[in-house]
Amino acid sequence: MFVPAPSVLRSGASLTPLRPVRGLASQRTRAIDREKLCAQVGQGHELLSPHAGKSATLMQGSFSVTQLRDGLSLHCTDIVQLQDITTQYAIQEKSIKVMLKLEGNAQVMVGRHALPLDAGEGARAVPHGAVVTLDAPDTLQRHSRAGSRQRMGGLTLRPAGFDAVGISQDLFKEHLSIHPWKPSTRAIAIAEQLIHPIELEGPMQRLHQESRALELIVEALSQTLAERRTQAATLPASAYQRVERLQQLLDSGAADQLDMRAIAQHIGCNANTLQQQFREVCGLPIFDYLRRSRLQRAAHALQHEGVSVARAAEIAGYTSQANFSTAFRRHFGLLPKHCRNRI
């Protein structure tokens, strides 16, 4: 069960950014090219466009990925786009992502779901936050246009970091559960400090960043859990049991050839009611969930059972290997033939 540490966040406390950050002239700016971008983000990152050389400058500003502790990493961005850019990142393990966009209107997609992170630009920017849970491999894609400024702080909690902050993994088992959260004035100031950290000696700077990161996690997840409790109160226990039975049916493969009417009959519920309750609990329609489930089963068969790509396509419900490969790459960020090595 998640219990916020009382020493981490005090109600009503205020915090002032330690340095001006509105203009890029106020920080150490640098040109970021394709090679530097891919090196910093690490394995799984792919620049989809533009098709520029390694030394072509893509953006100007600051960009960092920092491992704060085992299972907790920090991603900070304050950049101006010099070109229209589309990037994709393959997420290979379960995680909780806490994101706070201070400025920018880049389009961010996880799988086929858009994240509510359009904060706007300049003086009219309104910070937006989102908590995203991932319980299976997926892809994160980001598109931003030339001339736009993007300022964002992001935190990724992996299983190794769950226990350290008192989070039960059972609370976040839903794949691609997306929860918007409204950052407080304090949270916005904390994000500014994370993006432009103060200069401290030795490990003190890392400890300062970690303490600020934990504050953001507390605020974001407290709002998320409160929202989940509110949602839970709106549906009877029988509805959750029904949705759980449906998830088991979809994951088992027994529903692969069934239509909506047959699925509803199997569960013993009106089709419209079942679809509504499933979407409320899982955050996506039944057949979107089924498509994802079949792709995940195909990926598992490729990796653990050594099946051919043709057989994996059948498992996923595709008669065309080309269409299967396209869908697989869109979902996981890599081709089926590479799955054995990277998922």
C-alpha atoms as a PDB file:
ATOM      1  CA  MET A   1       0.000   0.000   0.000  1.00  0.00           C
ATOM      2  CA  PHE A   2       1.289   3.477  -0.875  1.00  0.00           C
ATOM      3  CA  VAL A   3       2.053   5.593   2.191  1.00  0.00           C
ATOM      4  CA  PRO A   4       3.504   9.078   1.535  1.00  0.00           C
ATOM      5  CA  ALA A   5       6.557   9.743   3.687  1.00  0.00           C
ATOM      6  CA  PRO A   6       5.717  12.633   6.033  1.00  0.00           C
ATOM      7  CA  SER A   7       9.243  14.007   5.773  1.00  0.00           C
ATOM      8  CA  VAL A   8       8.995  14.320   1.993  1.00  0.00           C
ATOM      9  CA  LEU A   9       5.999  16.614   1.458  1.00  0.00           C
ATOM     10  CA  ARG A  10       4.518  19.121   3.884  1.00  0.00           C
ATOM     11  CA  SER A  11       1.061  20.459   3.121  1.00  0.00           C
ATOM     12  CA  GLY A  12       1.087  24.087   2.097  1.00  0.00           C
ATOM     13  CA  ALA A  13       4.881  24.314   1.847  1.00  0.00           C
ATOM     14  CA  SER A  14       6.241  26.715  -0.750  1.00  0.00           C
ATOM     15  CA  LEU A  15       9.292  26.568  -2.907  1.00  0.00           C
ATOM     16  CA  THR A  16      10.901  29.193  -5.110  1.00  0.00           C
ATOM     17  CA  PRO A  17      12.947  28.285  -8.195  1.00  0.00           C
ATOM     18  CA  LEU A  18      16.615  28.964  -7.470  1.00  0.00           C
ATOM     19  CA  ARG A  19      17.456  30.494 -10.839  1.00  0.00           C
ATOM     20  CA  PRO A  20      15.629  32.144 -13.749  1.00  0.00           C
ATOM     21  CA  VAL A  21      14.770  29.672 -16.472  1.00  0.00           C
ATOM     22  CA  ARG A  22      12.436  31.482 -18.855  1.00  0.00           C
ATOM     23  CA  GLY A  23      15.083  32.160 -21.491  1.00  0.00           C
ATOM     24  CA  LEU A  24      17.588  29.724 -22.903  1.00  0.00           C
ATOM     25  CA  ALA A  25      20.285  32.349 -22.383  1.00  0.00           C
ATOM     26  CA  SER A  26      20.008  31.710 -18.621  1.00  0.00           C
ATOM     27  CA  GLN A  27      21.415  28.180 -18.879  1.00  0.00           C
ATOM     28  CA  ARG A  28      24.327  26.336 -20.434  1.00  0.00           C
ATOM     29  CA  THR A  29      22.976  25.684 -23.891  1.00  0.00           C
ATOM     30  CA  ARG A  30      24.405  23.321 -26.450  1.00  0.00           C
ATOM     31  CA  ALA A  31      23.619  21.938 -29.834  1.00  0.00           C
ATOM     32  CA  ILE A  32      22.138  18.422 -29.748  1.00  0.00           C
ATOM     33  CA  ASP A  33      22.621  16.314 -32.848  1.00  0.00           C
ATOM     34  CA  ARG A  34      21.340  12.859 -33.757  1.00  0.00           C
ATOM     35  CA  GLU A  35      24.342  11.061 -32.288  1.00  0.00           C
ATOM     36  CA  LYS A  36      24.218  12.886 -28.938  1.00  0.00           C
ATOM     37  CA  LEU A  37      20.456  12.425 -28.651  1.00  0.00           C
ATOM     38  CA  CYS A  38      20.584   8.667 -29.255  1.00  0.00           C
ATOM     39  CA  ALA A  39      23.592   8.265 -26.942  1.00  0.00           C
ATOM     40  CA  GLN A  40      21.865  10.017 -24.044  1.00  0.00           C
ATOM     41  CA  VAL A  41      18.483   8.308 -24.371  1.00  0.00           C
ATOM     42  CA  GLY A  42      20.107   4.895 -24.750  1.00  0.00           C
ATOM     43  CA  GLN A  43      19.063   1.560 -26.221  1.00  0.00           C
ATOM     44  CA  GLY A  44      15.587   1.396 -27.697  1.00  0.00           C
ATOM     45  CA  HIS A  45      15.581   4.970 -29.013  1.00  0.00           C
ATOM     46  CA  GLU A  46      14.967   5.632 -32.705  1.00  0.00           C
ATOM     47  CA  LEU A  47      14.839   8.896 -34.649  1.00  0.00           C
ATOM     48  CA  LEU A  48      12.050   8.424 -37.210  1.00  0.00           C
ATOM     49  CA  SER A  49      12.426  11.857 -38.801  1.00  0.00           C
ATOM     50  CA  PRO A  50      14.187  13.872 -40.059  1.00  0.00           C
ATOM     51  CA  HIS A  51      16.535  11.557 -41.947  1.00  0.00           C
ATOM     52  CA  ALA A  52      19.570  13.617 -41.039  1.00  0.00           C
ATOM     53  CA  GLY A  53      23.229  12.697 -40.598  1.00  0.00           C
ATOM     54  CA  LYS A  54      24.767  12.007 -37.197  1.00  0.00           C
ATOM     55  CA  SER A  55      26.169  15.533 -36.893  1.00  0.00           C
ATOM     56  CA  ALA A  56      23.046  17.407 -38.059  1.00  0.00           C
ATOM     57  CA  THR A  57      21.813  19.711 -35.281  1.00  0.00           C
ATOM     58  CA  LEU A  58      18.269  18.821 -34.206  1.00  0.00           C
ATOM     59  CA  MET A  59      17.732  21.035 -31.163  1.00  0.00           C
ATOM     60  CA  GLN A  60      19.377  23.577 -28.904  1.00  0.00           C
ATOM     61  CA  GLY A  61      19.269  23.530 -25.134  1.00  0.00           C
ATOM     62  CA  SER A  62      19.669  21.035 -22.317  1.00  0.00           C
ATOM     63  CA  PHE A  63      18.622  17.400 -22.224  1.00  0.00           C
ATOM     64  CA  SER A  64      19.542  14.834 -19.572  1.00  0.00           C
ATOM     65  CA  VAL A  65      18.715  11.329 -18.354  1.00  0.00           C
ATOM     66  CA  THR A  66      19.895  10.588 -14.793  1.00  0.00           C
ATOM     67  CA  GLN A  67      19.711   7.364 -12.779  1.00  0.00           C
ATOM     68  CA  LEU A  68      18.873   8.620  -9.279  1.00  0.00           C
ATOM     69  CA  ARG A  69      18.773   5.205  -7.634  1.00  0.00           C
ATOM     70  CA  ASP A  70      18.107   1.613  -8.621  1.00  0.00           C
ATOM     71  CA  GLY A  71      14.680   1.617 -10.256  1.00  0.00           C
ATOM     72  CA  LEU A  72      14.275   5.423 -10.382  1.00  0.00           C
ATOM     73  CA  SER A  73      15.443   7.614 -13.271  1.00  0.00           C
ATOM     74  CA  LEU A  74      14.952  11.294 -14.094  1.00  0.00           C
ATOM     75  CA  HIS A  75      14.531  12.778 -17.568  1.00  0.00           C
ATOM     76  CA  CYS A  76      14.712  16.575 -17.950  1.00  0.00           C
ATOM     77  CA  THR A  77      14.298  18.662 -21.089  1.00  0.00           C
ATOM     78  CA  ASP A  78      14.575  22.357 -21.899  1.00  0.00           C
ATOM     79  CA  ILE A  79      15.126  22.642 -25.624  1.00  0.00           C
ATOM     80  CA  VAL A  80      14.122  24.590 -28.706  1.00  0.00           C
ATOM     81  CA  GLN A  81      13.394  22.434 -31.747  1.00  0.00           C
ATOM     82  CA  LEU A  82      15.406  23.389 -34.823  1.00  0.00           C
ATOM     83  CA  GLN A  83      13.628  20.867 -37.050  1.00  0.00           C
ATOM     84  CA  ASP A  84      10.365  18.931 -37.098  1.00  0.00           C
ATOM     85  CA  ILE A  85      11.283  15.800 -35.123  1.00  0.00           C
ATOM     86  CA  THR A  86       9.591  12.443 -34.550  1.00  0.00           C
ATOM     87  CA  THR A  87      11.243  10.022 -32.150  1.00  0.00           C
ATOM     88  CA  GLN A  88      10.237   6.607 -30.852  1.00  0.00           C
ATOM     89  CA  TYR A  89      11.357   4.695 -27.790  1.00  0.00           C
ATOM     90  CA  ALA A  90      10.801   1.010 -27.052  1.00  0.00           C
ATOM     91  CA  ILE A  91       9.712   0.508 -23.437  1.00  0.00           C
ATOM     92  CA  GLN A  92      10.834  -2.978 -22.515  1.00  0.00           C
ATOM     93  CA  GLU A  93       9.867  -3.403 -18.859  1.00  0.00           C
ATOM     94  CA  LYS A  94       6.960  -2.553 -16.591  1.00  0.00           C
ATOM     95  CA  SER A  95       7.114   0.895 -15.079  1.00  0.00           C
ATOM     96  CA  ILE A  96       5.233   3.903 -13.760  1.00  0.00           C
ATOM     97  CA  LYS A  97       5.971   7.180 -15.514  1.00  0.00           C
ATOM     98  CA  VAL A  98       5.308  10.493 -13.777  1.00  0.00           C
ATOM     99  CA  MET A  99       5.441  13.356 -16.293  1.00  0.00           C
ATOM    100  CA  LEU A 100       5.159  17.101 -15.794  1.00  0.00           C
ATOM    101  CA  LYS A 101       5.140  19.285 -18.930  1.00  0.00           C
ATOM    102  CA  LEU A 102       5.866  22.935 -18.072  1.00  0.00           C
ATOM    103  CA  GLU A 103       5.786  24.258 -21.623  1.00  0.00           C
ATOM    104  CA  GLY A 104       5.338  22.832 -25.091  1.00  0.00           C
ATOM    105  CA  ASN A 105       2.752  21.207 -27.309  1.00  0.00           C
ATOM    106  CA  ALA A 106       4.643  18.169 -28.590  1.00  0.00           C
ATOM    107  CA  GLN A 107       2.368  15.233 -29.377  1.00  0.00           C
ATOM    108  CA  VAL A 108       3.224  12.294 -27.128  1.00  0.00           C
ATOM    109  CA  MET A 109       1.763   8.835 -27.741  1.00  0.00           C
ATOM    110  CA  VAL A 110       2.150   5.652 -25.722  1.00  0.00           C
ATOM    111  CA  GLY A 111       1.037   2.852 -27.998  1.00  0.00           C
ATOM    112  CA  ARG A 112      -2.026   4.349 -29.697  1.00  0.00           C
ATOM    113  CA  HIS A 113      -2.994   6.530 -26.737  1.00  0.00           C
ATOM    114  CA  ALA A 114      -2.246  10.266 -26.673  1.00  0.00           C
ATOM    115  CA  LEU A 115      -0.989  11.674 -23.386  1.00  0.00           C
ATOM    116  CA  PRO A 116      -2.718  14.828 -22.047  1.00  0.00           C
ATOM    117  CA  LEU A 117       0.486  16.886 -22.066  1.00  0.00           C
ATOM    118  CA  ASP A 118      -0.233  19.891 -24.295  1.00  0.00           C
ATOM    119  CA  ALA A 119       0.888  22.730 -22.019  1.00  0.00           C
ATOM    120  CA  GLY A 120       0.974  25.471 -24.640  1.00  0.00           C
ATOM    121  CA  GLU A 121       3.859  27.859 -25.226  1.00  0.00           C
ATOM    122  CA  GLY A 122       5.312  31.046 -23.857  1.00  0.00           C
ATOM    123  CA  ALA A 123       3.538  33.184 -21.256  1.00  0.00           C
ATOM    124  CA  ARG A 124       0.262  31.330 -21.848  1.00  0.00           C
ATOM    125  CA  ALA A 125       1.707  27.904 -21.021  1.00  0.00           C
ATOM    126  CA  VAL A 126      -0.301  25.945 -18.426  1.00  0.00           C
ATOM    127  CA  PRO A 127       1.654  23.013 -16.895  1.00  0.00           C
ATOM    128  CA  HIS A 128       0.074  19.560 -17.247  1.00  0.00           C
ATOM    129  CA  GLY A 129       0.939  16.283 -15.555  1.00  0.00           C
ATOM    130  CA  ALA A 130       0.235  12.635 -16.329  1.00  0.00           C
ATOM    131  CA  VAL A 131       0.863   9.305 -14.615  1.00  0.00           C
ATOM    132  CA  VAL A 132       1.184   6.349 -17.002  1.00  0.00           C
ATOM    133  CA  THR A 133       1.427   2.712 -15.944  1.00  0.00           C
ATOM    134  CA  LEU A 134       2.912   0.063 -18.227  1.00  0.00           C
ATOM    135  CA  ASP A 135       2.662  -3.627 -17.437  1.00  0.00           C
ATOM    136  CA  ALA A 136       3.979  -4.907 -20.795  1.00  0.00           C
ATOM    137  CA  PRO A 137       6.378  -3.824 -23.563  1.00  0.00           C
ATOM    138  CA  ASP A 138       5.142  -0.848 -25.573  1.00  0.00           C
ATOM    139  CA  THR A 139       6.362   2.202 -27.471  1.00  0.00           C
ATOM    140  CA  LEU A 140       6.483   5.911 -26.692  1.00  0.00           C
ATOM    141  CA  GLN A 141       6.426   8.229 -29.707  1.00  0.00           C
ATOM    142  CA  ARG A 142       6.927  11.993 -29.662  1.00  0.00           C
ATOM    143  CA  HIS A 143       6.438  14.549 -32.459  1.00  0.00           C
ATOM    144  CA  SER A 144       7.355  18.221 -32.142  1.00  0.00           C
ATOM    145  CA  ARG A 145       7.601  20.993 -34.690  1.00  0.00           C
ATOM    146  CA  ALA A 146      10.490  23.303 -35.539  1.00  0.00           C
ATOM    147  CA  GLY A 147      10.622  26.507 -33.499  1.00  0.00           C
ATOM    148  CA  SER A 148       8.744  25.145 -30.497  1.00  0.00           C
ATOM    149  CA  ARG A 149      10.162  25.066 -26.994  1.00  0.00           C
ATOM    150  CA  GLN A 150       9.759  22.001 -24.815  1.00  0.00           C
ATOM    151  CA  ARG A 151      10.281  22.059 -21.042  1.00  0.00           C
ATOM    152  CA  MET A 152       9.476  18.892 -19.140  1.00  0.00           C
ATOM    153  CA  GLY A 153      10.503  16.772 -16.188  1.00  0.00           C
ATOM    154  CA  GLY A 154       9.803  13.047 -16.206  1.00  0.00           C
ATOM    155  CA  LEU A 155      10.353  10.259 -13.691  1.00  0.00           C
ATOM    156  CA  THR A 156      10.343   6.523 -14.353  1.00  0.00           C
ATOM    157  CA  LEU A 157       9.774   4.067 -11.515  1.00  0.00           C
ATOM    158  CA  ARG A 158      10.658   0.452 -12.305  1.00  0.00           C
ATOM    159  CA  PRO A 159       9.963  -2.598 -10.108  1.00  0.00           C
ATOM    160  CA  ALA A 160      13.275  -2.208  -8.274  1.00  0.00           C
ATOM    161  CA  GLY A 161      12.172   1.246  -7.140  1.00  0.00           C
ATOM    162  CA  PHE A 162       8.598   0.437  -6.110  1.00  0.00           C
ATOM    163  CA  ASP A 163       9.431  -0.808  -2.617  1.00  0.00           C
ATOM    164  CA  ALA A 164      11.797   2.088  -1.962  1.00  0.00           C
ATOM    165  CA  VAL A 165       8.895   4.573  -2.114  1.00  0.00           C
ATOM    166  CA  GLY A 166       6.299   2.281  -0.518  1.00  0.00           C
ATOM    167  CA  ILE A 167       4.255   1.479  -3.631  1.00  0.00           C
ATOM    168  CA  SER A 168       2.508  -1.860  -3.993  1.00  0.00           C
ATOM    169  CA  GLN A 169       2.913  -3.133  -7.550  1.00  0.00           C
ATOM    170  CA  ASP A 170      -0.602  -4.584  -7.322  1.00  0.00           C
ATOM    171  CA  LEU A 171      -2.006  -1.040  -7.440  1.00  0.00           C
ATOM    172  CA  PHE A 172      -0.569  -0.413 -10.885  1.00  0.00           C
ATOM    173  CA  LYS A 173      -1.067  -3.593 -12.878  1.00  0.00           C
ATOM    174  CA  GLU A 174      -3.277  -2.079 -15.571  1.00  0.00           C
ATOM    175  CA  HIS A 175      -1.352  -1.708 -18.800  1.00  0.00           C
ATOM    176  CA  LEU A 176      -1.553   1.784 -20.285  1.00  0.00           C
ATOM    177  CA  SER A 177      -3.595   3.301 -17.514  1.00  0.00           C
ATOM    178  CA  ILE A 178      -3.289   7.074 -18.083  1.00  0.00           C
ATOM    179  CA  HIS A 179      -4.175   9.486 -15.270  1.00  0.00           C
ATOM    180  CA  PRO A 180      -3.883  13.273 -15.745  1.00  0.00           C
ATOM    181  CA  TRP A 181      -2.854  15.172 -12.625  1.00  0.00           C
ATOM    182  CA  LYS A 182      -2.897  18.884 -11.869  1.00  0.00           C
ATOM    183  CA  PRO A 183       0.470  20.057 -10.527  1.00  0.00           C
ATOM    184  CA  SER A 184       0.523  22.459  -7.591  1.00  0.00           C
ATOM    185  CA  THR A 185       2.600  25.638  -7.556  1.00  0.00           C
ATOM    186  CA  ARG A 186       5.121  23.762  -5.441  1.00  0.00           C
ATOM    187  CA  ALA A 187       5.311  20.877  -7.930  1.00  0.00           C
ATOM    188  CA  ILE A 188       5.935  23.326 -10.785  1.00  0.00           C
ATOM    189  CA  ALA A 189       8.759  24.974  -8.840  1.00  0.00           C
ATOM    190  CA  ILE A 190      10.242  21.551  -8.050  1.00  0.00           C
ATOM    191  CA  ALA A 191      10.179  20.646 -11.734  1.00  0.00           C
ATOM    192  CA  GLU A 192      12.008  23.884 -12.546  1.00  0.00           C
ATOM    193  CA  GLN A 193      14.704  22.942 -10.020  1.00  0.00           C
ATOM    194  CA  LEU A 194      15.033  19.459 -11.492  1.00  0.00           C
ATOM    195  CA  ILE A 195      15.398  20.832 -15.027  1.00  0.00           C
ATOM    196  CA  HIS A 196      17.958  23.416 -13.852  1.00  0.00           C
ATOM    197  CA  PRO A 197      19.523  21.899 -10.711  1.00  0.00           C
ATOM    198  CA  ILE A 198      21.564  23.863  -8.228  1.00  0.00           C
ATOM    199  CA  GLU A 199      25.286  23.164  -8.192  1.00  0.00           C
ATOM    200  CA  LEU A 200      26.289  21.222  -5.089  1.00  0.00           C
ATOM    201  CA  GLU A 201      29.416  19.300  -4.142  1.00  0.00           C
ATOM    202  CA  GLY A 202      29.778  15.631  -4.955  1.00  0.00           C
ATOM    203  CA  PRO A 203      26.812  13.370  -4.108  1.00  0.00           C
ATOM    204  CA  MET A 204      24.860  16.241  -2.549  1.00  0.00           C
ATOM    205  CA  GLN A 205      23.493  17.311  -5.934  1.00  0.00           C
ATOM    206  CA  ARG A 206      22.231  13.793  -6.650  1.00  0.00           C
ATOM    207  CA  LEU A 207      20.615  13.607  -3.191  1.00  0.00           C
ATOM    208  CA  HIS A 208      18.992  17.001  -3.781  1.00  0.00           C
ATOM    209  CA  GLN A 209      17.577  15.809  -7.105  1.00  0.00           C
ATOM    210  CA  GLU A 210      16.324  12.587  -5.562  1.00  0.00           C
ATOM    211  CA  SER A 211      14.539  14.406  -2.739  1.00  0.00           C
ATOM    212  CA  ARG A 212      12.801  16.707  -5.229  1.00  0.00           C
ATOM    213  CA  ALA A 213      11.895  13.748  -7.449  1.00  0.00           C
ATOM    214  CA  LEU A 214      10.261  11.948  -4.518  1.00  0.00           C
ATOM    215  CA  GLU A 215       8.151  15.009  -3.803  1.00  0.00           C
ATOM    216  CA  LEU A 216       6.782  14.965  -7.337  1.00  0.00           C
ATOM    217  CA  ILE A 217       6.070  11.247  -7.097  1.00  0.00           C
ATOM    218  CA  VAL A 218       4.172  11.739  -3.840  1.00  0.00           C
ATOM    219  CA  GLU A 219       1.992  14.518  -5.262  1.00  0.00           C
ATOM    220  CA  ALA A 220       1.286  12.817  -8.591  1.00  0.00           C
ATOM    221  CA  LEU A 221       0.527   9.374  -7.158  1.00  0.00           C
ATOM    222  CA  SER A 222      -1.539  10.784  -4.298  1.00  0.00           C
ATOM    223  CA  GLN A 223      -3.828  12.416  -6.860  1.00  0.00           C
ATOM    224  CA  THR A 224      -3.877   9.240  -8.951  1.00  0.00           C
ATOM    225  CA  LEU A 225      -4.788   6.996  -6.034  1.00  0.00           C
ATOM    226  CA  ALA A 226      -7.505   9.416  -4.908  1.00  0.00           C
ATOM    227  CA  GLU A 227      -8.954   9.310  -8.423  1.00  0.00           C
ATOM    228  CA  ARG A 228      -8.852   5.496  -8.437  1.00  0.00           C
ATOM    229  CA  ARG A 229     -10.710   5.365  -5.119  1.00  0.00           C
ATOM    230  CA  THR A 230     -13.371   7.690  -6.534  1.00  0.00           C
ATOM    231  CA  GLN A 231     -13.755   5.537  -9.629  1.00  0.00           C
ATOM    232  CA  ALA A 232     -13.933   2.384  -7.539  1.00  0.00           C
ATOM    233  CA  ALA A 233     -16.852   3.842  -5.616  1.00  0.00           C
ATOM    234  CA  THR A 234     -18.855   4.370  -8.805  1.00  0.00           C
ATOM    235  CA  LEU A 235     -18.913   0.709  -9.851  1.00  0.00           C
ATOM    236  CA  PRO A 236     -20.214  -2.239  -7.839  1.00  0.00           C
ATOM    237  CA  ALA A 237     -17.857  -5.083  -6.944  1.00  0.00           C
ATOM    238  CA  SER A 238     -19.727  -7.360  -9.353  1.00  0.00           C
ATOM    239  CA  ALA A 239     -18.707  -5.101 -12.266  1.00  0.00           C
ATOM    240  CA  TYR A 240     -15.021  -5.394 -11.391  1.00  0.00           C
ATOM    241  CA  GLN A 241     -15.365  -9.166 -11.081  1.00  0.00           C
ATOM    242  CA  ARG A 242     -17.049  -9.240 -14.497  1.00  0.00           C
ATOM    243  CA  VAL A 243     -14.262  -7.183 -16.083  1.00  0.00           C
ATOM    244  CA  GLU A 244     -11.634  -9.404 -14.462  1.00  0.00           C
ATOM    245  CA  ARG A 245     -13.294 -12.520 -15.919  1.00  0.00           C
ATOM    246  CA  LEU A 246     -13.388 -10.831 -19.320  1.00  0.00           C
ATOM    247  CA  GLN A 247      -9.684  -9.939 -19.125  1.00  0.00           C
ATOM    248  CA  GLN A 248      -8.882 -13.569 -18.353  1.00  0.00           C
ATOM    249  CA  LEU A 249     -10.990 -14.672 -21.320  1.00  0.00           C
ATOM    250  CA  LEU A 250      -9.276 -12.227 -23.689  1.00  0.00           C
ATOM    251  CA  ASP A 251      -5.781 -13.093 -22.453  1.00  0.00           C
ATOM    252  CA  SER A 252      -6.393 -16.839 -22.744  1.00  0.00           C
ATOM    253  CA  GLY A 253      -7.024 -16.733 -26.502  1.00  0.00           C
ATOM    254  CA  ALA A 254     -10.492 -18.263 -26.145  1.00  0.00           C
ATOM    255  CA  ALA A 255     -12.117 -15.060 -27.422  1.00  0.00           C
ATOM    256  CA  ASP A 256      -9.888 -14.586 -30.474  1.00  0.00           C
ATOM    257  CA  GLN A 257     -12.611 -15.695 -32.911  1.00  0.00           C
ATOM    258  CA  LEU A 258     -15.629 -14.330 -31.012  1.00  0.00           C
ATOM    259  CA  ASP A 259     -17.633 -11.223 -31.861  1.00  0.00           C
ATOM    260  CA  MET A 260     -18.977  -8.784 -29.278  1.00  0.00           C
ATOM    261  CA  ARG A 261     -22.321 -10.555 -28.974  1.00  0.00           C
ATOM    262  CA  ALA A 262     -20.677 -13.927 -28.309  1.00  0.00           C
ATOM    263  CA  ILE A 263     -18.296 -12.401 -25.756  1.00  0.00           C
ATOM    264  CA  ALA A 264     -21.195 -10.751 -23.907  1.00  0.00           C
ATOM    265  CA  GLN A 265     -23.120 -14.037 -23.867  1.00  0.00           C
ATOM    266  CA  HIS A 266     -20.090 -15.870 -22.499  1.00  0.00           C
ATOM    267  CA  ILE A 267     -19.705 -13.323 -19.680  1.00  0.00           C
ATOM    268  CA  GLY A 268     -23.467 -13.137 -19.108  1.00  0.00           C
ATOM    269  CA  CYS A 269     -23.906  -9.407 -19.548  1.00  0.00           C
ATOM    270  CA  ASN A 270     -25.453  -6.913 -21.950  1.00  0.00           C
ATOM    271  CA  ALA A 271     -22.899  -5.999 -24.634  1.00  0.00           C
ATOM    272  CA  ASN A 272     -23.210  -2.215 -24.175  1.00  0.00           C
ATOM    273  CA  THR A 273     -22.923  -2.462 -20.389  1.00  0.00           C
ATOM    274  CA  LEU A 274     -19.934  -4.770 -20.669  1.00  0.00           C
ATOM    275  CA  GLN A 275     -18.163  -2.450 -23.101  1.00  0.00           C
ATOM    276  CA  GLN A 276     -18.815   0.588 -20.888  1.00  0.00           C
ATOM    277  CA  GLN A 277     -17.651  -1.094 -17.689  1.00  0.00           C
ATOM    278  CA  PHE A 278     -14.562  -2.551 -19.357  1.00  0.00           C
ATOM    279  CA  ARG A 279     -13.542   0.836 -20.714  1.00  0.00           C
ATOM    280  CA  GLU A 280     -14.103   2.520 -17.357  1.00  0.00           C
ATOM    281  CA  VAL A 281     -11.903  -0.003 -15.558  1.00  0.00           C
ATOM    282  CA  CYS A 282      -9.226  -0.658 -18.211  1.00  0.00           C
ATOM    283  CA  GLY A 283      -9.205   2.644 -20.078  1.00  0.00           C
ATOM    284  CA  LEU A 284      -9.678   1.197 -23.576  1.00  0.00           C
ATOM    285  CA  PRO A 285     -12.302  -0.692 -25.643  1.00  0.00           C
ATOM    286  CA  ILE A 286     -12.550  -4.475 -25.455  1.00  0.00           C
ATOM    287  CA  PHE A 287     -11.219  -5.160 -28.949  1.00  0.00           C
ATOM    288  CA  ASP A 288      -8.322  -2.715 -28.543  1.00  0.00           C
ATOM    289  CA  TYR A 289      -7.376  -4.695 -25.445  1.00  0.00           C
ATOM    290  CA  LEU A 290      -7.744  -7.956 -27.392  1.00  0.00           C
ATOM    291  CA  ARG A 291      -5.486  -6.708 -30.208  1.00  0.00           C
ATOM    292  CA  ARG A 292      -2.824  -5.768 -27.683  1.00  0.00           C
ATOM    293  CA  SER A 293      -3.203  -9.079 -25.888  1.00  0.00           C
ATOM    294  CA  ARG A 294      -2.728 -11.016 -29.123  1.00  0.00           C
ATOM    295  CA  LEU A 295       0.366  -8.998 -30.048  1.00  0.00           C
ATOM    296  CA  GLN A 296       1.797  -9.641 -26.590  1.00  0.00           C
ATOM    297  CA  ARG A 297       1.093 -13.372 -26.961  1.00  0.00           C
ATOM    298  CA  ALA A 298       2.813 -13.327 -30.349  1.00  0.00           C
ATOM    299  CA  ALA A 299       5.846 -11.546 -28.848  1.00  0.00           C
ATOM    300  CA  HIS A 300       6.000 -14.099 -26.026  1.00  0.00           C
ATOM    301  CA  ALA A 301       5.848 -16.980 -28.534  1.00  0.00           C
ATOM    302  CA  LEU A 302       8.660 -15.440 -30.606  1.00  0.00           C
ATOM    303  CA  GLN A 303      10.887 -14.889 -27.610  1.00  0.00           C
ATOM    304  CA  HIS A 304      10.202 -17.961 -25.484  1.00  0.00           C
ATOM    305  CA  GLU A 305       8.903 -20.602 -27.889  1.00  0.00           C
ATOM    306  CA  GLY A 306      11.006 -19.868 -30.964  1.00  0.00           C
ATOM    307  CA  VAL A 307       8.047 -19.794 -33.357  1.00  0.00           C
ATOM    308  CA  SER A 308       8.405 -18.413 -36.870  1.00  0.00           C
ATOM    309  CA  VAL A 309       7.254 -14.909 -37.806  1.00  0.00           C
ATOM    310  CA  ALA A 310       4.498 -16.525 -39.891  1.00  0.00           C
ATOM    311  CA  ARG A 311       3.216 -18.443 -36.859  1.00  0.00           C
ATOM    312  CA  ALA A 312       3.466 -15.339 -34.671  1.00  0.00           C
ATOM    313  CA  ALA A 313       1.368 -13.457 -37.233  1.00  0.00           C
ATOM    314  CA  GLU A 314      -1.317 -16.145 -36.939  1.00  0.00           C
ATOM    315  CA  ILE A 315      -1.300 -15.856 -33.148  1.00  0.00           C
ATOM    316  CA  ALA A 316      -1.775 -12.097 -33.464  1.00  0.00           C
ATOM    317  CA  GLY A 317      -4.630 -12.567 -35.949  1.00  0.00           C
ATOM    318  CA  TYR A 318      -2.899 -11.368 -39.134  1.00  0.00           C
ATOM    319  CA  THR A 319      -3.055 -13.141 -42.491  1.00  0.00           C
ATOM    320  CA  SER A 320      -0.349 -10.843 -43.907  1.00  0.00           C
ATOM    321  CA  GLN A 321       3.149 -11.017 -42.436  1.00  0.00           C
ATOM    322  CA  ALA A 322       3.842  -7.508 -43.736  1.00  0.00           C
ATOM    323  CA  ASN A 323       0.823  -6.081 -41.899  1.00  0.00           C
ATOM    324  CA  PHE A 324       1.798  -8.033 -38.786  1.00  0.00           C
ATOM    325  CA  SER A 325       5.347  -6.671 -38.918  1.00  0.00           C
ATOM    326  CA  THR A 326       4.015  -3.119 -39.275  1.00  0.00           C
ATOM    327  CA  ALA A 327       1.640  -3.521 -36.318  1.00  0.00           C
ATOM    328  CA  PHE A 328       4.312  -5.247 -34.240  1.00  0.00           C
ATOM    329  CA  ARG A 329       6.844  -2.504 -34.871  1.00  0.00           C
ATOM    330  CA  ARG A 330       4.284   0.203 -34.129  1.00  0.00           C
ATOM    331  CA  HIS A 331       3.452  -1.484 -30.821  1.00  0.00           C
ATOM    332  CA  PHE A 332       6.887  -2.654 -29.606  1.00  0.00           C
ATOM    333  CA  GLY A 333       9.283  -0.431 -31.548  1.00  0.00           C
ATOM    334  CA  LEU A 334      11.088  -3.297 -33.308  1.00  0.00           C
ATOM    335  CA  LEU A 335      10.482  -5.905 -35.981  1.00  0.00           C
ATOM    336  CA  PRO A 336       9.284  -9.408 -35.067  1.00  0.00           C
ATOM    337  CA  LYS A 337      12.526 -10.983 -36.294  1.00  0.00           C
ATOM    338  CA  HIS A 338      14.443  -8.929 -33.703  1.00  0.00           C
ATOM    339  CA  CYS A 339      12.116  -9.841 -30.865  1.00  0.00           C
ATOM    340  CA  ARG A 340      14.151 -12.746 -29.538  1.00  0.00           C
ATOM    341  CA  ASN A 341      17.070 -10.441 -28.835  1.00  0.00           C
ATOM    342  CA  ARG A 342      15.393  -7.289 -27.511  1.00  0.00           C
ATOM    343  CA  ILE A 343      12.037  -7.925 -25.797  1.00  0.00           C
END
